[in-house]
N, C-alpha and C. Protein backbone atom coordinates (compact mmCIF):
# COMPACT_ATOMS: atom_id res chain seq x y z
N UNK A 1 13.03 -37.51 -87.10
CA UNK A 1 12.66 -36.42 -86.21
C UNK A 1 11.80 -35.42 -86.96
N UNK A 2 10.80 -34.96 -86.27
CA UNK A 2 9.96 -33.96 -86.90
C UNK A 2 10.60 -32.58 -86.75
N UNK A 3 10.06 -31.65 -87.44
CA UNK A 3 10.60 -30.30 -87.44
C UNK A 3 10.50 -29.66 -86.05
N UNK A 4 9.38 -29.88 -85.38
CA UNK A 4 9.20 -29.30 -84.05
C UNK A 4 10.21 -29.84 -83.04
N UNK A 5 10.49 -31.11 -83.11
CA UNK A 5 11.47 -31.66 -82.16
C UNK A 5 12.87 -31.14 -82.46
N UNK A 6 13.18 -30.92 -83.74
CA UNK A 6 14.48 -30.35 -84.08
C UNK A 6 14.61 -28.92 -83.55
N UNK A 7 13.54 -28.14 -83.72
CA UNK A 7 13.55 -26.75 -83.23
C UNK A 7 13.66 -26.75 -81.71
N UNK A 8 12.93 -27.65 -81.05
CA UNK A 8 12.96 -27.69 -79.57
C UNK A 8 14.34 -28.07 -79.07
N UNK A 9 14.99 -29.01 -79.70
CA UNK A 9 16.31 -29.43 -79.24
C UNK A 9 17.35 -28.33 -79.45
N UNK A 10 17.19 -27.53 -80.51
CA UNK A 10 18.13 -26.45 -80.76
C UNK A 10 17.85 -25.27 -79.83
N UNK A 11 16.58 -24.93 -79.62
CA UNK A 11 16.25 -23.73 -78.86
C UNK A 11 16.05 -23.99 -77.38
N UNK A 12 16.07 -25.23 -76.95
CA UNK A 12 15.87 -25.55 -75.53
C UNK A 12 16.88 -24.87 -74.63
N UNK A 13 18.15 -24.90 -74.93
CA UNK A 13 19.12 -24.22 -74.05
C UNK A 13 18.90 -22.71 -73.98
N UNK A 14 18.44 -22.14 -75.09
CA UNK A 14 18.21 -20.69 -75.10
C UNK A 14 16.97 -20.35 -74.28
N UNK A 15 15.91 -21.10 -74.45
CA UNK A 15 14.65 -20.82 -73.75
C UNK A 15 14.79 -21.06 -72.25
N UNK A 16 15.50 -22.07 -71.86
CA UNK A 16 15.63 -22.40 -70.45
C UNK A 16 16.79 -21.70 -69.76
N UNK A 17 17.44 -20.81 -70.44
CA UNK A 17 18.54 -20.05 -69.85
C UNK A 17 17.97 -19.15 -68.75
N UNK A 18 18.57 -19.17 -67.58
CA UNK A 18 18.02 -18.43 -66.43
C UNK A 18 18.03 -16.92 -66.66
N UNK A 19 18.98 -16.41 -67.39
CA UNK A 19 19.04 -14.98 -67.64
C UNK A 19 17.90 -14.53 -68.57
N UNK A 20 17.63 -15.35 -69.57
CA UNK A 20 16.53 -15.05 -70.48
C UNK A 20 15.20 -15.08 -69.74
N UNK A 21 15.03 -16.04 -68.89
CA UNK A 21 13.79 -16.16 -68.12
C UNK A 21 13.62 -14.94 -67.21
N UNK A 22 14.69 -14.55 -66.53
CA UNK A 22 14.62 -13.39 -65.64
C UNK A 22 14.30 -12.12 -66.44
N UNK A 23 14.93 -11.94 -67.58
CA UNK A 23 14.66 -10.78 -68.41
C UNK A 23 13.21 -10.76 -68.91
N UNK A 24 12.69 -11.89 -69.31
CA UNK A 24 11.30 -11.96 -69.75
C UNK A 24 10.33 -11.63 -68.62
N UNK A 25 10.58 -12.17 -67.44
CA UNK A 25 9.73 -11.88 -66.29
C UNK A 25 9.81 -10.39 -65.95
N UNK A 26 10.99 -9.83 -65.98
CA UNK A 26 11.17 -8.40 -65.68
C UNK A 26 10.45 -7.53 -66.71
N UNK A 27 10.56 -7.90 -67.99
CA UNK A 27 9.89 -7.15 -69.05
C UNK A 27 8.36 -7.20 -68.88
N UNK A 28 7.84 -8.37 -68.58
CA UNK A 28 6.38 -8.51 -68.35
C UNK A 28 5.99 -7.68 -67.13
N UNK A 29 6.78 -7.73 -66.09
CA UNK A 29 6.50 -6.96 -64.88
C UNK A 29 6.46 -5.47 -65.17
N UNK A 30 7.46 -4.96 -65.91
CA UNK A 30 7.50 -3.53 -66.24
C UNK A 30 6.38 -3.12 -67.18
N UNK A 31 6.03 -3.98 -68.10
CA UNK A 31 5.06 -3.62 -69.11
C UNK A 31 3.63 -3.66 -68.59
N UNK A 32 3.28 -4.60 -67.75
CA UNK A 32 1.88 -4.79 -67.40
C UNK A 32 1.54 -4.65 -65.92
N UNK A 33 2.43 -4.95 -65.03
CA UNK A 33 2.04 -5.13 -63.63
C UNK A 33 2.22 -3.89 -62.76
N UNK A 34 3.34 -3.21 -62.82
CA UNK A 34 3.61 -2.10 -61.91
C UNK A 34 2.63 -0.95 -62.13
N UNK A 35 2.51 -0.07 -61.13
CA UNK A 35 1.56 1.05 -61.21
C UNK A 35 1.91 2.01 -62.34
N UNK A 36 3.17 2.27 -62.55
CA UNK A 36 3.61 3.18 -63.61
C UNK A 36 4.23 2.36 -64.73
N UNK A 37 3.44 1.47 -65.28
CA UNK A 37 3.97 0.59 -66.32
C UNK A 37 4.18 1.34 -67.63
N UNK A 38 4.80 0.69 -68.56
CA UNK A 38 5.17 1.32 -69.82
C UNK A 38 3.95 1.76 -70.63
N UNK A 39 2.88 1.00 -70.56
CA UNK A 39 1.67 1.35 -71.30
C UNK A 39 1.07 2.65 -70.76
N UNK A 40 0.97 2.76 -69.45
CA UNK A 40 0.43 3.99 -68.84
C UNK A 40 1.33 5.19 -69.11
N UNK A 41 2.62 4.97 -69.10
CA UNK A 41 3.56 6.06 -69.38
C UNK A 41 3.39 6.56 -70.81
N UNK A 42 3.20 5.65 -71.76
CA UNK A 42 3.01 6.03 -73.15
C UNK A 42 1.70 6.81 -73.31
N UNK A 43 0.62 6.32 -72.69
CA UNK A 43 -0.67 7.02 -72.76
C UNK A 43 -0.58 8.41 -72.14
N UNK A 44 0.13 8.53 -71.03
CA UNK A 44 0.29 9.82 -70.38
C UNK A 44 1.10 10.77 -71.27
N UNK A 45 2.12 10.27 -71.92
CA UNK A 45 2.92 11.11 -72.82
C UNK A 45 2.07 11.61 -73.98
N UNK A 46 1.20 10.76 -74.51
CA UNK A 46 0.32 11.18 -75.60
C UNK A 46 -0.66 12.25 -75.12
N UNK A 47 -1.18 12.09 -73.93
CA UNK A 47 -2.12 13.07 -73.37
C UNK A 47 -1.42 14.42 -73.13
N UNK A 48 -0.17 14.37 -72.69
CA UNK A 48 0.61 15.60 -72.47
C UNK A 48 0.80 16.33 -73.79
N UNK A 49 1.08 15.62 -74.87
CA UNK A 49 1.25 16.26 -76.18
C UNK A 49 -0.04 16.97 -76.60
N UNK A 50 -1.18 16.31 -76.39
CA UNK A 50 -2.46 16.93 -76.75
C UNK A 50 -2.70 18.18 -75.91
N UNK A 51 -2.44 18.11 -74.63
CA UNK A 51 -2.64 19.25 -73.74
C UNK A 51 -1.71 20.41 -74.09
N UNK A 52 -0.48 20.11 -74.49
CA UNK A 52 0.45 21.18 -74.87
C UNK A 52 -0.04 21.88 -76.14
N UNK A 53 -0.59 21.13 -77.09
CA UNK A 53 -1.14 21.75 -78.29
C UNK A 53 -2.33 22.63 -77.95
N UNK A 54 -3.19 22.15 -77.04
CA UNK A 54 -4.33 22.97 -76.60
C UNK A 54 -3.85 24.24 -75.91
N UNK A 55 -2.82 24.13 -75.10
CA UNK A 55 -2.27 25.28 -74.39
C UNK A 55 -1.77 26.33 -75.38
N UNK A 56 -1.04 25.88 -76.40
CA UNK A 56 -0.55 26.82 -77.41
C UNK A 56 -1.70 27.49 -78.15
N UNK A 57 -2.73 26.72 -78.48
CA UNK A 57 -3.89 27.27 -79.17
C UNK A 57 -4.55 28.36 -78.33
N UNK A 58 -4.76 28.08 -77.05
CA UNK A 58 -5.43 29.05 -76.19
C UNK A 58 -4.55 30.28 -75.92
N UNK A 59 -3.25 30.10 -75.90
CA UNK A 59 -2.37 31.26 -75.75
C UNK A 59 -2.49 32.18 -76.96
N UNK A 60 -2.56 31.60 -78.16
CA UNK A 60 -2.76 32.41 -79.36
C UNK A 60 -4.11 33.11 -79.34
N UNK A 61 -5.14 32.40 -78.89
CA UNK A 61 -6.47 33.00 -78.81
C UNK A 61 -6.50 34.16 -77.82
N UNK A 62 -5.81 34.00 -76.71
CA UNK A 62 -5.74 35.09 -75.72
C UNK A 62 -5.08 36.31 -76.34
N UNK A 63 -3.98 36.11 -77.06
CA UNK A 63 -3.30 37.24 -77.70
C UNK A 63 -4.20 37.92 -78.73
N UNK A 64 -4.90 37.11 -79.53
CA UNK A 64 -5.82 37.69 -80.52
C UNK A 64 -6.94 38.48 -79.85
N UNK A 65 -7.48 37.94 -78.78
CA UNK A 65 -8.57 38.62 -78.08
C UNK A 65 -8.09 39.91 -77.40
N UNK A 66 -6.87 39.89 -76.86
CA UNK A 66 -6.33 41.11 -76.26
C UNK A 66 -6.14 42.19 -77.32
N UNK A 67 -5.65 41.79 -78.49
CA UNK A 67 -5.47 42.73 -79.58
C UNK A 67 -6.81 43.31 -80.04
N UNK A 68 -7.80 42.44 -80.18
CA UNK A 68 -9.13 42.88 -80.60
C UNK A 68 -9.75 43.81 -79.55
N UNK A 69 -9.58 43.48 -78.29
CA UNK A 69 -10.12 44.31 -77.22
C UNK A 69 -9.45 45.68 -77.20
N UNK A 70 -8.15 45.71 -77.40
CA UNK A 70 -7.42 46.97 -77.45
C UNK A 70 -7.92 47.83 -78.60
N UNK A 71 -8.12 47.21 -79.77
CA UNK A 71 -8.64 47.94 -80.92
C UNK A 71 -10.05 48.48 -80.64
N UNK A 72 -10.88 47.66 -80.01
CA UNK A 72 -12.25 48.09 -79.72
C UNK A 72 -12.27 49.27 -78.74
N UNK A 73 -11.35 49.29 -77.79
CA UNK A 73 -11.32 50.36 -76.80
C UNK A 73 -10.72 51.65 -77.35
N UNK A 74 -9.81 51.55 -78.32
CA UNK A 74 -9.08 52.73 -78.77
C UNK A 74 -9.50 53.26 -80.15
N UNK A 75 -10.07 52.43 -80.99
CA UNK A 75 -10.37 52.82 -82.36
C UNK A 75 -11.89 52.86 -82.56
N UNK A 76 -12.43 54.06 -82.67
CA UNK A 76 -13.88 54.23 -82.78
C UNK A 76 -14.40 53.66 -84.11
N UNK A 77 -13.66 53.81 -85.18
CA UNK A 77 -14.08 53.29 -86.49
C UNK A 77 -14.16 51.76 -86.45
N UNK A 78 -13.18 51.13 -85.81
CA UNK A 78 -13.20 49.67 -85.70
C UNK A 78 -14.37 49.21 -84.83
N UNK A 79 -14.66 49.95 -83.77
CA UNK A 79 -15.78 49.62 -82.90
C UNK A 79 -17.09 49.66 -83.68
N UNK A 80 -17.25 50.69 -84.50
CA UNK A 80 -18.47 50.82 -85.30
C UNK A 80 -18.56 49.67 -86.31
N UNK A 81 -17.46 49.35 -86.96
CA UNK A 81 -17.43 48.25 -87.93
C UNK A 81 -17.77 46.93 -87.26
N UNK A 82 -17.18 46.70 -86.09
CA UNK A 82 -17.42 45.47 -85.35
C UNK A 82 -18.89 45.35 -84.95
N UNK A 83 -19.47 46.44 -84.45
CA UNK A 83 -20.88 46.43 -84.03
C UNK A 83 -21.79 46.16 -85.22
N UNK A 84 -21.49 46.73 -86.35
CA UNK A 84 -22.31 46.51 -87.54
C UNK A 84 -22.21 45.05 -88.03
N UNK A 85 -21.01 44.51 -88.06
CA UNK A 85 -20.82 43.17 -88.59
C UNK A 85 -21.30 42.08 -87.64
N UNK A 86 -20.99 42.21 -86.38
CA UNK A 86 -21.29 41.14 -85.44
C UNK A 86 -22.70 41.22 -84.85
N UNK A 87 -23.19 42.43 -84.61
CA UNK A 87 -24.46 42.58 -83.91
C UNK A 87 -25.54 43.25 -84.75
N UNK A 88 -25.25 43.47 -86.04
CA UNK A 88 -26.21 44.04 -87.00
C UNK A 88 -26.82 45.34 -86.48
N UNK A 89 -26.00 46.18 -85.88
CA UNK A 89 -26.46 47.48 -85.39
C UNK A 89 -26.47 48.48 -86.55
N UNK A 90 -27.24 49.56 -86.39
CA UNK A 90 -27.37 50.54 -87.47
C UNK A 90 -27.52 51.94 -86.90
N UNK A 91 -27.33 52.92 -87.76
CA UNK A 91 -27.55 54.30 -87.38
C UNK A 91 -29.02 54.64 -87.63
N UNK A 92 -29.46 55.78 -87.11
CA UNK A 92 -30.84 56.22 -87.31
C UNK A 92 -31.08 56.48 -88.80
N UNK A 93 -32.23 56.04 -89.28
CA UNK A 93 -32.61 56.26 -90.66
C UNK A 93 -31.90 55.33 -91.65
N UNK A 94 -31.18 54.36 -91.16
CA UNK A 94 -30.43 53.47 -92.02
C UNK A 94 -31.14 52.12 -92.08
N UNK A 95 -31.12 51.47 -93.21
CA UNK A 95 -31.70 50.15 -93.35
C UNK A 95 -30.57 49.14 -93.54
N UNK A 96 -30.76 47.97 -92.95
CA UNK A 96 -29.75 46.92 -93.07
C UNK A 96 -30.40 45.70 -93.68
N UNK A 97 -29.74 45.12 -94.65
CA UNK A 97 -30.20 43.90 -95.27
C UNK A 97 -29.20 42.80 -94.95
N UNK A 98 -29.68 41.74 -94.29
CA UNK A 98 -28.83 40.62 -93.94
C UNK A 98 -29.01 39.54 -94.98
N UNK A 99 -27.94 39.18 -95.63
CA UNK A 99 -27.99 38.17 -96.68
C UNK A 99 -27.28 36.92 -96.14
N UNK A 100 -28.05 35.83 -96.06
CA UNK A 100 -27.47 34.57 -95.60
C UNK A 100 -27.14 33.71 -96.80
N UNK A 101 -25.98 33.08 -96.75
CA UNK A 101 -25.56 32.23 -97.87
C UNK A 101 -26.06 30.83 -97.66
């Protein structure tokens, strides 16, 4: 007897067992065929994780921008500093040198 025939004779009852066949068909059905299969559920879960990270990032940005806006509205020295740094504004009679790295 060859090795393949020995393996087939030993595993034949296991492979042809009706419960194993039903479980395999059910697993294939759940994994590939249904509308909400396991693959789509996994991809959706990954997308949700990415979106939650983006949400947290934007929430932090909103808080930072609110803080910066509050400072700009209430603190005249900060407003002047911000205008000089971001928009290269100057006072009369003042010269500004912009150095690019």
